[in-house]
PDB file of N, CA and C in Angstrom:
ATOM      1  N   ALA A   1      -1.095   5.424  31.852  1.00  0.00           N
ATOM      2  CA  ALA A   1      -0.864   6.724  31.223  1.00  0.00           C
ATOM      3  C   ALA A   1       0.143   6.533  30.100  1.00  0.00           C
ATOM      4  N   GLN A   2      -0.125   7.141  28.952  1.00  0.00           N
ATOM      5  CA  GLN A   2       0.771   6.928  27.838  1.00  0.00           C
ATOM      6  C   GLN A   2       0.673   8.094  26.861  1.00  0.00           C
ATOM      7  N   VAL A   3       1.594   8.075  25.904  1.00  0.00           N
ATOM      8  CA  VAL A   3       1.561   9.006  24.782  1.00  0.00           C
ATOM      9  C   VAL A   3       1.441   8.158  23.523  1.00  0.00           C
ATOM     10  N   VAL A   4       0.786   8.682  22.502  1.00  0.00           N
ATOM     11  CA  VAL A   4       0.510   7.911  21.294  1.00  0.00           C
ATOM     12  C   VAL A   4       0.987   8.672  20.070  1.00  0.00           C
ATOM     13  N   GLU A   5       1.916   8.046  19.344  1.00  0.00           N
ATOM     14  CA  GLU A   5       2.478   8.667  18.153  1.00  0.00           C
ATOM     15  C   GLU A   5       1.741   8.231  16.890  1.00  0.00           C
ATOM     16  N   SER A   6       1.864   9.054  15.866  1.00  0.00           N
ATOM     17  CA  SER A   6       1.347   8.718  14.539  1.00  0.00           C
ATOM     18  C   SER A   6       2.096   9.550  13.517  1.00  0.00           C
ATOM     19  N   GLY A   7       1.914   9.205  12.243  1.00  0.00           N
ATOM     20  CA  GLY A   7       2.468  10.021  11.178  1.00  0.00           C
ATOM     21  C   GLY A   7       3.683   9.446  10.471  1.00  0.00           C
ATOM     22  N   GLY A   8       4.191   8.327  10.976  1.00  0.00           N
ATOM     23  CA  GLY A   8       5.320   7.729  10.308  1.00  0.00           C
ATOM     24  C   GLY A   8       4.922   7.140   8.961  1.00  0.00           C
ATOM     25  N   GLY A   9       5.918   6.704   8.206  1.00  0.00           N
ATOM     26  CA  GLY A   9       5.641   6.108   6.913  1.00  0.00           C
ATOM     27  C   GLY A   9       6.893   5.996   6.088  1.00  0.00           C
ATOM     28  N   SER A  10       6.700   5.724   4.807  1.00  0.00           N
ATOM     29  CA  SER A  10       7.811   5.578   3.869  1.00  0.00           C
ATOM     30  C   SER A  10       7.854   6.779   2.947  1.00  0.00           C
ATOM     31  N   VAL A  11       9.059   7.282   2.728  1.00  0.00           N
ATOM     32  CA  VAL A  11       9.232   8.462   1.886  1.00  0.00           C
ATOM     33  C   VAL A  11      10.584   8.391   1.212  1.00  0.00           C
ATOM     34  N   GLN A  12      10.709   9.060   0.094  1.00  0.00           N
ATOM     35  CA  GLN A  12      12.000   9.104  -0.587  1.00  0.00           C
ATOM     36  C   GLN A  12      12.876  10.188   0.028  1.00  0.00           C
ATOM     37  N   ALA A  13      14.153  10.019  -0.109  1.00  0.00           N
ATOM     38  CA  ALA A  13      15.096  11.021   0.380  1.00  0.00           C
ATOM     39  C   ALA A  13      14.746  12.386  -0.200  1.00  0.00           C
ATOM     40  N   GLY A  14      14.824  13.388   0.666  1.00  0.00           N
ATOM     41  CA  GLY A  14      14.435  14.731   0.269  1.00  0.00           C
ATOM     42  C   GLY A  14      12.995  15.072   0.590  1.00  0.00           C
ATOM     43  N   GLY A  15      12.224  14.060   0.932  1.00  0.00           N
ATOM     44  CA  GLY A  15      10.816  14.263   1.234  1.00  0.00           C
ATOM     45  C   GLY A  15      10.584  14.716   2.668  1.00  0.00           C
ATOM     46  N   SER A  16       9.312  14.816   3.040  1.00  0.00           N
ATOM     47  CA  SER A  16       8.931  15.318   4.361  1.00  0.00           C
ATOM     48  C   SER A  16       7.898  14.406   5.007  1.00  0.00           C
ATOM     49  N   LEU A  17       7.910  14.402   6.329  1.00  0.00           N
ATOM     50  CA  LEU A  17       6.888  13.738   7.129  1.00  0.00           C
ATOM     51  C   LEU A  17       6.620  14.607   8.357  1.00  0.00           C
ATOM     52  N   ARG A  18       5.402  14.485   8.882  1.00  0.00           N
ATOM     53  CA  ARG A  18       5.069  15.183  10.118  1.00  0.00           C
ATOM     54  C   ARG A  18       4.549  14.174  11.129  1.00  0.00           C
ATOM     55  N   LEU A  19       5.283  14.021  12.207  1.00  0.00           N
ATOM     56  CA  LEU A  19       4.876  13.117  13.272  1.00  0.00           C
ATOM     57  C   LEU A  19       4.030  13.868  14.298  1.00  0.00           C
ATOM     58  N   SER A  20       3.080  13.143  14.882  1.00  0.00           N
ATOM     59  CA  SER A  20       2.232  13.707  15.938  1.00  0.00           C
ATOM     60  C   SER A  20       2.275  12.808  17.155  1.00  0.00           C
ATOM     61  N   CYS A  21       2.052  13.412  18.307  1.00  0.00           N
ATOM     62  CA  CYS A  21       2.032  12.662  19.562  1.00  0.00           C
ATOM     63  C   CYS A  21       0.976  13.269  20.468  1.00  0.00           C
ATOM     64  N   VAL A  22      -0.046  12.495  20.773  1.00  0.00           N
ATOM     65  CA  VAL A  22      -1.079  12.952  21.688  1.00  0.00           C
ATOM     66  C   VAL A  22      -0.675  12.554  23.101  1.00  0.00           C
ATOM     67  N   ALA A  23      -0.610  13.557  23.976  1.00  0.00           N
ATOM     68  CA  ALA A  23      -0.129  13.334  25.340  1.00  0.00           C
ATOM     69  C   ALA A  23      -1.168  13.850  26.328  1.00  0.00           C
ATOM     70  N   SER A  24      -2.330  13.234  26.316  1.00  0.00           N
ATOM     71  CA  SER A  24      -3.487  13.753  27.044  1.00  0.00           C
ATOM     72  C   SER A  24      -3.245  13.937  28.532  1.00  0.00           C
ATOM     73  N   GLU A  25      -2.448  13.065  29.120  1.00  0.00           N
ATOM     74  CA  GLU A  25      -2.278  13.094  30.571  1.00  0.00           C
ATOM     75  C   GLU A  25      -1.012  13.804  31.015  1.00  0.00           C
ATOM     76  N   TYR A  26      -0.361  14.508  30.094  1.00  0.00           N
ATOM     77  CA  TYR A  26       0.896  15.181  30.407  1.00  0.00           C
ATOM     78  C   TYR A  26       0.812  16.642  29.973  1.00  0.00           C
ATOM     79  N   PRO A  27       0.244  17.479  30.794  1.00  0.00           N
ATOM     80  CA  PRO A  27       0.086  18.888  30.411  1.00  0.00           C
ATOM     81  C   PRO A  27       1.434  19.525  30.112  1.00  0.00           C
ATOM     82  N   PHE A  28       1.500  20.248  29.017  1.00  0.00           N
ATOM     83  CA  PHE A  28       2.757  20.813  28.561  1.00  0.00           C
ATOM     84  C   PHE A  28       3.265  21.904  29.505  1.00  0.00           C
ATOM     85  N   SER A  29       2.396  22.428  30.340  1.00  0.00           N
ATOM     86  CA  SER A  29       2.838  23.420  31.324  1.00  0.00           C
ATOM     87  C   SER A  29       3.678  22.776  32.427  1.00  0.00           C
ATOM     88  N   ARG A  30       3.650  21.470  32.521  1.00  0.00           N
ATOM     89  CA  ARG A  30       4.362  20.784  33.606  1.00  0.00           C
ATOM     90  C   ARG A  30       5.441  19.823  33.109  1.00  0.00           C
ATOM     91  N   TYR A  31       5.397  19.473  31.833  1.00  0.00           N
ATOM     92  CA  TYR A  31       6.330  18.477  31.319  1.00  0.00           C
ATOM     93  C   TYR A  31       7.127  18.989  30.122  1.00  0.00           C
ATOM     94  N   ARG A  32       8.384  18.590  30.090  1.00  0.00           N
ATOM     95  CA  ARG A  32       9.154  18.694  28.863  1.00  0.00           C
ATOM     96  C   ARG A  32       8.711  17.558  27.959  1.00  0.00           C
ATOM     97  N   MET A  33       8.739  17.819  26.643  1.00  0.00           N
ATOM     98  CA  MET A  33       8.366  16.809  25.661  1.00  0.00           C
ATOM     99  C   MET A  33       9.504  16.630  24.675  1.00  0.00           C
ATOM    100  N   GLY A  34       9.612  15.433  24.150  1.00  0.00           N
ATOM    101  CA  GLY A  34      10.701  15.218  23.225  1.00  0.00           C
ATOM    102  C   GLY A  34      10.439  14.083  22.254  1.00  0.00           C
ATOM    103  N   TRP A  35      11.242  14.078  21.216  1.00  0.00           N
ATOM    104  CA  TRP A  35      11.257  12.989  20.241  1.00  0.00           C
ATOM    105  C   TRP A  35      12.619  12.307  20.301  1.00  0.00           C
ATOM    106  N   PHE A  36      12.560  10.994  20.301  1.00  0.00           N
ATOM    107  CA  PHE A  36      13.754  10.165  20.283  1.00  0.00           C
ATOM    108  C   PHE A  36      13.617   9.195  19.123  1.00  0.00           C
ATOM    109  N   ARG A  37      14.733   8.709  18.646  1.00  0.00           N
ATOM    110  CA  ARG A  37      14.673   7.673  17.617  1.00  0.00           C
ATOM    111  C   ARG A  37      15.592   6.538  18.000  1.00  0.00           C
ATOM    112  N   GLN A  38      15.215   5.381  17.515  1.00  0.00           N
ATOM    113  CA  GLN A  38      15.965   4.178  17.867  1.00  0.00           C
ATOM    114  C   GLN A  38      16.210   3.346  16.631  1.00  0.00           C
ATOM    115  N   TYR A  39      17.492   3.034  16.397  1.00  0.00           N
ATOM    116  CA  TYR A  39      17.872   2.138  15.322  1.00  0.00           C
ATOM    117  C   TYR A  39      17.858   0.712  15.870  1.00  0.00           C
ATOM    118  N   PRO A  40      17.647  -0.274  15.022  1.00  0.00           N
ATOM    119  CA  PRO A  40      17.608  -1.659  15.494  1.00  0.00           C
ATOM    120  C   PRO A  40      18.870  -2.036  16.271  1.00  0.00           C
ATOM    121  N   GLY A  41      18.678  -2.549  17.458  1.00  0.00           N
ATOM    122  CA  GLY A  41      19.799  -2.996  18.260  1.00  0.00           C
ATOM    123  C   GLY A  41      20.574  -1.890  18.945  1.00  0.00           C
ATOM    124  N   LYS A  42      20.092  -0.669  18.842  1.00  0.00           N
ATOM    125  CA  LYS A  42      20.803   0.470  19.440  1.00  0.00           C
ATOM    126  C   LYS A  42      19.962   1.121  20.538  1.00  0.00           C
ATOM    127  N   GLU A  43      20.648   1.914  21.370  1.00  0.00           N
ATOM    128  CA  GLU A  43      19.942   2.694  22.375  1.00  0.00           C
ATOM    129  C   GLU A  43      19.218   3.870  21.707  1.00  0.00           C
ATOM    130  N   PRO A  44      18.110   4.324  22.315  1.00  0.00           N
ATOM    131  CA  PRO A  44      17.442   5.509  21.764  1.00  0.00           C
ATOM    132  C   PRO A  44      18.362   6.728  21.810  1.00  0.00           C
ATOM    133  N   GLU A  45      18.203   7.613  20.845  1.00  0.00           N
ATOM    134  CA  GLU A  45      18.970   8.852  20.850  1.00  0.00           C
ATOM    135  C   GLU A  45      18.014  10.035  20.730  1.00  0.00           C
ATOM    136  N   GLY A  46      18.353  11.111  21.394  1.00  0.00           N
ATOM    137  CA  GLY A  46      17.512  12.298  21.385  1.00  0.00           C
ATOM    138  C   GLY A  46      17.542  12.988  20.035  1.00  0.00           C
ATOM    139  N   VAL A  47      16.380  13.392  19.564  1.00  0.00           N
ATOM    140  CA  VAL A  47      16.249  14.109  18.292  1.00  0.00           C
ATOM    141  C   VAL A  47      15.920  15.582  18.554  1.00  0.00           C
ATOM    142  N   ALA A  48      14.879  15.823  19.343  1.00  0.00           N
ATOM    143  CA  ALA A  48      14.442  17.194  19.610  1.00  0.00           C
ATOM    144  C   ALA A  48      13.675  17.226  20.922  1.00  0.00           C
ATOM    145  N   VAL A  49      13.845  18.332  21.636  1.00  0.00           N
ATOM    146  CA  VAL A  49      13.167  18.524  22.919  1.00  0.00           C
ATOM    147  C   VAL A  49      12.564  19.921  22.947  1.00  0.00           C
ATOM    148  N   ILE A  50      11.376  20.038  23.539  1.00  0.00           N
ATOM    149  CA  ILE A  50      10.748  21.341  23.729  1.00  0.00           C
ATOM    150  C   ILE A  50      10.373  21.470  25.195  1.00  0.00           C
ATOM    151  N   ASP A  51      10.732  22.589  25.765  1.00  0.00           N
ATOM    152  CA  ASP A  51      10.548  22.797  27.202  1.00  0.00           C
ATOM    153  C   ASP A  51       9.210  23.477  27.474  1.00  0.00           C
ATOM    154  N   ARG A  52       8.919  23.644  28.761  1.00  0.00           N
ATOM    155  CA  ARG A  52       7.664  24.260  29.172  1.00  0.00           C
ATOM    156  C   ARG A  52       7.530  25.696  28.681  1.00  0.00           C
ATOM    157  N   ASP A  53       8.679  26.359  28.498  1.00  0.00           N
ATOM    158  CA  ASP A  53       8.661  27.752  28.026  1.00  0.00           C
ATOM    159  C   ASP A  53       8.814  27.853  26.506  1.00  0.00           C
ATOM    160  N   ASP A  54       8.669  26.725  25.820  1.00  0.00           N
ATOM    161  CA  ASP A  54       8.763  26.611  24.360  1.00  0.00           C
ATOM    162  C   ASP A  54      10.186  26.700  23.818  1.00  0.00           C
ATOM    163  N   SER A  55      11.177  26.743  24.678  1.00  0.00           N
ATOM    164  CA  SER A  55      12.547  26.679  24.182  1.00  0.00           C
ATOM    165  C   SER A  55      12.794  25.278  23.620  1.00  0.00           C
ATOM    166  N   THR A  56      13.651  25.200  22.614  1.00  0.00           N
ATOM    167  CA  THR A  56      13.870  23.928  21.922  1.00  0.00           C
ATOM    168  C   THR A  56      15.350  23.577  21.837  1.00  0.00           C
ATOM    169  N   ALA A  57      15.607  22.318  21.629  1.00  0.00           N
ATOM    170  CA  ALA A  57      16.966  21.835  21.421  1.00  0.00           C
ATOM    171  C   ALA A  57      16.902  20.698  20.416  1.00  0.00           C
ATOM    172  N   TYR A  58      17.943  20.610  19.577  1.00  0.00           N
ATOM    173  CA  TYR A  58      17.968  19.620  18.518  1.00  0.00           C
ATOM    174  C   TYR A  58      19.307  18.895  18.485  1.00  0.00           C
ATOM    175  N   ALA A  59      19.260  17.656  18.061  1.00  0.00           N
ATOM    176  CA  ALA A  59      20.489  16.945  17.767  1.00  0.00           C
ATOM    177  C   ALA A  59      21.140  17.599  16.556  1.00  0.00           C
ATOM    178  N   ASP A  60      22.462  17.615  16.540  1.00  0.00           N
ATOM    179  CA  ASP A  60      23.180  18.255  15.427  1.00  0.00           C
ATOM    180  C   ASP A  60      22.775  17.666  14.078  1.00  0.00           C
ATOM    181  N   SER A  61      22.487  16.391  14.057  1.00  0.00           N
ATOM    182  CA  SER A  61      22.189  15.696  12.798  1.00  0.00           C
ATOM    183  C   SER A  61      20.872  16.143  12.168  1.00  0.00           C
ATOM    184  N   VAL A  62      19.999  16.806  12.939  1.00  0.00           N
ATOM    185  CA  VAL A  62      18.698  17.201  12.390  1.00  0.00           C
ATOM    186  C   VAL A  62      18.494  18.704  12.375  1.00  0.00           C
ATOM    187  N   LYS A  63      19.430  19.444  12.906  1.00  0.00           N
ATOM    188  CA  LYS A  63      19.283  20.905  12.931  1.00  0.00           C
ATOM    189  C   LYS A  63      19.091  21.460  11.520  1.00  0.00           C
ATOM    190  N   GLY A  64      18.125  22.367  11.407  1.00  0.00           N
ATOM    191  CA  GLY A  64      17.838  22.966  10.107  1.00  0.00           C
ATOM    192  C   GLY A  64      16.912  22.140   9.242  1.00  0.00           C
ATOM    193  N   ARG A  65      16.636  20.901   9.641  1.00  0.00           N
ATOM    194  CA  ARG A  65      15.748  20.037   8.868  1.00  0.00           C
ATOM    195  C   ARG A  65      14.476  19.674   9.645  1.00  0.00           C
ATOM    196  N   PHE A  66      14.595  19.485  10.940  1.00  0.00           N
ATOM    197  CA  PHE A  66      13.461  19.073  11.779  1.00  0.00           C
ATOM    198  C   PHE A  66      13.021  20.237  12.654  1.00  0.00           C
ATOM    199  N   THR A  67      11.721  20.292  12.917  1.00  0.00           N
ATOM    200  CA  THR A  67      11.177  21.315  13.801  1.00  0.00           C
ATOM    201  C   THR A  67      10.199  20.676  14.781  1.00  0.00           C
ATOM    202  N   ILE A  68      10.439  20.879  16.063  1.00  0.00           N
ATOM    203  CA  ILE A  68       9.531  20.386  17.092  1.00  0.00           C
ATOM    204  C   ILE A  68       8.599  21.516  17.508  1.00  0.00           C
ATOM    205  N   SER A  69       7.334  21.174  17.707  1.00  0.00           N
ATOM    206  CA  SER A  69       6.354  22.180  18.118  1.00  0.00           C
ATOM    207  C   SER A  69       5.248  21.490  18.902  1.00  0.00           C
ATOM    208  N   LYS A  70       4.385  22.284  19.500  1.00  0.00           N
ATOM    209  CA  LYS A  70       3.295  21.693  20.266  1.00  0.00           C
ATOM    210  C   LYS A  70       2.042  22.548  20.153  1.00  0.00           C
ATOM    211  N   ASP A  71       0.905  21.890  20.248  1.00  0.00           N
ATOM    212  CA  ASP A  71      -0.400  22.557  20.293  1.00  0.00           C
ATOM    213  C   ASP A  71      -0.941  22.347  21.701  1.00  0.00           C
ATOM    214  N   THR A  72      -0.848  23.378  22.500  1.00  0.00           N
ATOM    215  CA  THR A  72      -1.239  23.251  23.900  1.00  0.00           C
ATOM    216  C   THR A  72      -2.738  22.986  24.055  1.00  0.00           C
ATOM    217  N   THR A  73      -3.549  23.524  23.157  1.00  0.00           N
ATOM    218  CA  THR A  73      -4.993  23.342  23.275  1.00  0.00           C
ATOM    219  C   THR A  73      -5.387  21.882  23.064  1.00  0.00           C
ATOM    220  N   LYS A  74      -4.589  21.156  22.302  1.00  0.00           N
ATOM    221  CA  LYS A  74      -4.885  19.745  22.031  1.00  0.00           C
ATOM    222  C   LYS A  74      -3.899  18.811  22.715  1.00  0.00           C
ATOM    223  N   ASN A  75      -2.977  19.396  23.480  1.00  0.00           N
ATOM    224  CA  ASN A  75      -1.921  18.607  24.115  1.00  0.00           C
ATOM    225  C   ASN A  75      -1.285  17.621  23.138  1.00  0.00           C
ATOM    226  N   THR A  76      -0.930  18.150  21.991  1.00  0.00           N
ATOM    227  CA  THR A  76      -0.334  17.341  20.937  1.00  0.00           C
ATOM    228  C   THR A  76       1.027  17.908  20.558  1.00  0.00           C
ATOM    229  N   LEU A  77       1.974  17.022  20.445  1.00  0.00           N
ATOM    230  CA  LEU A  77       3.348  17.351  20.076  1.00  0.00           C
ATOM    231  C   LEU A  77       3.560  16.982  18.620  1.00  0.00           C
ATOM    232  N   PHE A  78       4.386  17.765  17.925  1.00  0.00           N
ATOM    233  CA  PHE A  78       4.661  17.510  16.517  1.00  0.00           C
ATOM    234  C   PHE A  78       6.162  17.466  16.257  1.00  0.00           C
ATOM    235  N   LEU A  79       6.519  16.780  15.191  1.00  0.00           N
ATOM    236  CA  LEU A  79       7.875  16.833  14.664  1.00  0.00           C
ATOM    237  C   LEU A  79       7.759  16.929  13.153  1.00  0.00           C
ATOM    238  N   GLN A  80       8.048  18.109  12.627  1.00  0.00           N
ATOM    239  CA  GLN A  80       8.080  18.304  11.186  1.00  0.00           C
ATOM    240  C   GLN A  80       9.470  17.935  10.687  1.00  0.00           C
ATOM    241  N   MET A  81       9.523  16.977   9.776  1.00  0.00           N
ATOM    242  CA  MET A  81      10.795  16.485   9.281  1.00  0.00           C
ATOM    243  C   MET A  81      10.882  16.778   7.793  1.00  0.00           C
ATOM    244  N   ASN A  82      11.809  17.636   7.422  1.00  0.00           N
ATOM    245  CA  ASN A  82      12.017  17.997   6.022  1.00  0.00           C
ATOM    246  C   ASN A  82      13.369  17.517   5.540  1.00  0.00           C
ATOM    247  N   ASN A  83      13.516  17.462   4.227  1.00  0.00           N
ATOM    248  CA  ASN A  83      14.774  17.032   3.620  1.00  0.00           C
ATOM    249  C   ASN A  83      15.281  15.744   4.276  1.00  0.00           C
ATOM    250  N   LEU A  84      14.413  14.769   4.351  1.00  0.00           N
ATOM    251  CA  LEU A  84      14.762  13.512   5.019  1.00  0.00           C
ATOM    252  C   LEU A  84      15.890  12.788   4.311  1.00  0.00           C
ATOM    253  N   LYS A  85      16.714  12.115   5.096  1.00  0.00           N
ATOM    254  CA  LYS A  85      17.849  11.367   4.603  1.00  0.00           C
ATOM    255  C   LYS A  85      17.674   9.901   4.962  1.00  0.00           C
ATOM    256  N   THR A  86      18.370   9.032   4.246  1.00  0.00           N
ATOM    257  CA  THR A  86      18.245   7.598   4.533  1.00  0.00           C
ATOM    258  C   THR A  86      18.632   7.282   5.968  1.00  0.00           C
ATOM    259  N   GLU A  87      19.566   8.039   6.512  1.00  0.00           N
ATOM    260  CA  GLU A  87      19.991   7.797   7.896  1.00  0.00           C
ATOM    261  C   GLU A  87      18.960   8.230   8.932  1.00  0.00           C
ATOM    262  N   ASP A  88      17.886   8.866   8.486  1.00  0.00           N
ATOM    263  CA  ASP A  88      16.788   9.193   9.398  1.00  0.00           C
ATOM    264  C   ASP A  88      15.849   8.006   9.599  1.00  0.00           C
ATOM    265  N   THR A  89      16.052   6.943   8.849  1.00  0.00           N
ATOM    266  CA  THR A  89      15.224   5.742   8.989  1.00  0.00           C
ATOM    267  C   THR A  89      15.400   5.159  10.390  1.00  0.00           C
ATOM    268  N   ALA A  90      14.303   5.098  11.141  1.00  0.00           N
ATOM    269  CA  ALA A  90      14.348   4.621  12.523  1.00  0.00           C
ATOM    270  C   ALA A  90      12.931   4.569  13.074  1.00  0.00           C
ATOM    271  N   MET A  91      12.813   4.022  14.277  1.00  0.00           N
ATOM    272  CA  MET A  91      11.555   4.100  15.018  1.00  0.00           C
ATOM    273  C   MET A  91      11.610   5.378  15.843  1.00  0.00           C
ATOM    274  N   TYR A  92      10.586   6.203  15.740  1.00  0.00           N
ATOM    275  CA  TYR A  92      10.549   7.475  16.449  1.00  0.00           C
ATOM    276  C   TYR A  92       9.575   7.385  17.616  1.00  0.00           C
ATOM    277  N   HIS A  93      10.066   7.761  18.792  1.00  0.00           N
ATOM    278  CA  HIS A  93       9.276   7.693  20.009  1.00  0.00           C
ATOM    279  C   HIS A  93       9.065   9.082  20.576  1.00  0.00           C
ATOM    280  N   CYS A  94       7.884   9.290  21.124  1.00  0.00           N
ATOM    281  CA  CYS A  94       7.555  10.510  21.844  1.00  0.00           C
ATOM    282  C   CYS A  94       7.752  10.225  23.337  1.00  0.00           C
ATOM    283  N   ALA A  95       8.232  11.214  24.066  1.00  0.00           N
ATOM    284  CA  ALA A  95       8.468  11.031  25.497  1.00  0.00           C
ATOM    285  C   ALA A  95       8.059  12.275  26.268  1.00  0.00           C
ATOM    286  N   ALA A  96       7.658  12.075  27.499  1.00  0.00           N
ATOM    287  CA  ALA A  96       7.299  13.170  28.401  1.00  0.00           C
ATOM    288  C   ALA A  96       7.972  12.931  29.750  1.00  0.00           C
ATOM    289  N   ASP A  97       8.565  13.998  30.274  1.00  0.00           N
ATOM    290  CA  ASP A  97       9.181  13.905  31.594  1.00  0.00           C
ATOM    291  C   ASP A  97       9.526  15.315  32.055  1.00  0.00           C
ATOM    292  N   ARG A  98       9.515  15.525  33.337  1.00  0.00           N
ATOM    293  CA  ARG A  98       9.859  16.860  33.857  1.00  0.00           C
ATOM    294  C   ARG A  98      11.319  17.195  33.599  1.00  0.00           C
ATOM    295  N   TRP A  99      12.176  16.159  33.485  1.00  0.00           N
ATOM    296  CA  TRP A  99      13.621  16.390  33.375  1.00  0.00           C
ATOM    297  C   TRP A  99      14.181  15.799  32.096  1.00  0.00           C
ATOM    298  N   LEU A 100      13.370  15.660  31.093  1.00  0.00           N
ATOM    299  CA  LEU A 100      13.786  15.070  29.833  1.00  0.00           C
ATOM    300  C   LEU A 100      14.847  15.927  29.155  1.00  0.00           C
ATOM    301  N   SER A 101      15.830  15.269  28.515  1.00  0.00           N
ATOM    302  CA  SER A 101      16.855  16.008  27.788  1.00  0.00           C
ATOM    303  C   SER A 101      17.304  15.205  26.585  1.00  0.00           C
ATOM    304  N   LEU A 102      18.016  15.849  25.685  1.00  0.00           N
ATOM    305  CA  LEU A 102      18.500  15.187  24.478  1.00  0.00           C
ATOM    306  C   LEU A 102      19.460  14.057  24.796  1.00  0.00           C
ATOM    307  N   VAL A 103      20.219  14.224  25.833  1.00  0.00           N
ATOM    308  CA  VAL A 103      21.257  13.239  26.140  1.00  0.00           C
ATOM    309  C   VAL A 103      20.801  12.233  27.187  1.00  0.00           C
ATOM    310  N   GLY A 104      19.601  12.405  27.711  1.00  0.00           N
ATOM    311  CA  GLY A 104      19.092  11.467  28.698  1.00  0.00           C
ATOM    312  C   GLY A 104      18.626  10.175  28.050  1.00  0.00           C
ATOM    313  N   LYS A 105      18.311   9.208  28.891  1.00  0.00           N
ATOM    314  CA  LYS A 105      17.837   7.925  28.389  1.00  0.00           C
ATOM    315  C   LYS A 105      16.635   7.482  29.199  1.00  0.00           C
ATOM    316  N   PRO A 106      15.771   6.670  28.596  1.00  0.00           N
ATOM    317  CA  PRO A 106      14.626   6.140  29.354  1.00  0.00           C
ATOM    318  C   PRO A 106      15.129   5.384  30.577  1.00  0.00           C
ATOM    319  N   PRO A 107      14.286   5.199  31.602  1.00  0.00           N
ATOM    320  CA  PRO A 107      12.830   5.425  31.556  1.00  0.00           C
ATOM    321  C   PRO A 107      12.430   6.876  31.816  1.00  0.00           C
ATOM    322  N   TYR A 108      11.351   7.290  31.161  1.00  0.00           N
ATOM    323  CA  TYR A 108      10.742   8.583  31.371  1.00  0.00           C
ATOM    324  C   TYR A 108       9.323   8.380  31.888  1.00  0.00           C
ATOM    325  N   ALA A 109       8.695   9.478  32.292  1.00  0.00           N
ATOM    326  CA  ALA A 109       7.331   9.382  32.799  1.00  0.00           C
ATOM    327  C   ALA A 109       6.401   8.751  31.763  1.00  0.00           C
ATOM    328  N   ALA A 110       6.641   9.075  30.493  1.00  0.00           N
ATOM    329  CA  ALA A 110       5.848   8.484  29.415  1.00  0.00           C
ATOM    330  C   ALA A 110       6.756   8.210  28.223  1.00  0.00           C
ATOM    331  N   TRP A 111       6.531   7.098  27.577  1.00  0.00           N
ATOM    332  CA  TRP A 111       7.332   6.669  26.413  1.00  0.00           C
ATOM    333  C   TRP A 111       6.383   5.962  25.471  1.00  0.00           C
ATOM    334  N   GLY A 112       6.239   6.465  24.276  1.00  0.00           N
ATOM    335  CA  GLY A 112       5.298   5.890  23.346  1.00  0.00           C
ATOM    336  C   GLY A 112       5.800   4.631  22.664  1.00  0.00           C
ATOM    337  N   GLN A 113       4.872   3.937  22.013  1.00  0.00           N
ATOM    338  CA  GLN A 113       5.215   2.705  21.304  1.00  0.00           C
ATOM    339  C   GLN A 113       6.056   2.978  20.074  1.00  0.00           C
ATOM    340  N   GLY A 114       5.944   4.170  19.540  1.00  0.00           N
ATOM    341  CA  GLY A 114       6.767   4.539  18.406  1.00  0.00           C
ATOM    342  C   GLY A 114       6.026   4.508  17.082  1.00  0.00           C
ATOM    343  N   THR A 115       6.572   5.239  16.126  1.00  0.00           N
ATOM    344  CA  THR A 115       6.063   5.232  14.762  1.00  0.00           C
ATOM    345  C   THR A 115       7.259   5.117  13.829  1.00  0.00           C
ATOM    346  N   GLN A 116       7.179   4.210  12.877  1.00  0.00           N
ATOM    347  CA  GLN A 116       8.316   3.890  12.014  1.00  0.00           C
ATOM    348  C   GLN A 116       8.436   4.895  10.876  1.00  0.00           C
ATOM    349  N   VAL A 117       9.657   5.350  10.662  1.00  0.00           N
ATOM    350  CA  VAL A 117       9.972   6.217   9.528  1.00  0.00           C
ATOM    351  C   VAL A 117      10.983   5.481   8.656  1.00  0.00           C
ATOM    352  N   ALA A 118      10.696   5.395   7.380  1.00  0.00           N
ATOM    353  CA  ALA A 118      11.592   4.720   6.435  1.00  0.00           C
ATOM    354  C   ALA A 118      11.858   5.661   5.264  1.00  0.00           C
ATOM    355  N   VAL A 119      13.124   5.952   5.049  1.00  0.00           N
ATOM    356  CA  VAL A 119      13.523   6.866   3.978  1.00  0.00           C
ATOM    357  C   VAL A 119      14.365   6.096   2.974  1.00  0.00           C
ATOM    358  N   SER A 120      13.944   6.096   1.735  1.00  0.00           N
ATOM    359  CA  SER A 120      14.656   5.358   0.696  1.00  0.00           C
ATOM    360  C   SER A 120      15.382   6.326  -0.239  1.00  0.00           C
ATOM    361  N   SER A 121      16.444   5.824  -0.837  1.00  0.00           N
ATOM    362  CA  SER A 121      17.246   6.673  -1.725  1.00  0.00           C
ATOM    363  C   SER A 121      16.697   6.652  -3.131  1.00  0.00           C
TER     364      SER A 121
END
């Protein structure tokens, strides 16, 4: 069982990207979903989480710029990233878990391979 991310790429600072995560085996009615990012040699850090009731939480560094959402009919999670900064350059992972949180750390029920985001100045 896994989740599969897509949508990463290279963009200039100030630009936008939209990440997607297909989570076929993790119904959103039962799982919290989230996006994490990992810098080389560092532990993953929470970016955004969306709960079963659609409530959301964001890391301070992305508030007002990133938006997490989900399409329940397609069991797909999204992360809209606007006004990207060079410090947003990282590998972005999608995760699913009943108790997932911004400050938690893997292992989770599902953890994707990741999609690379590169922001240049």
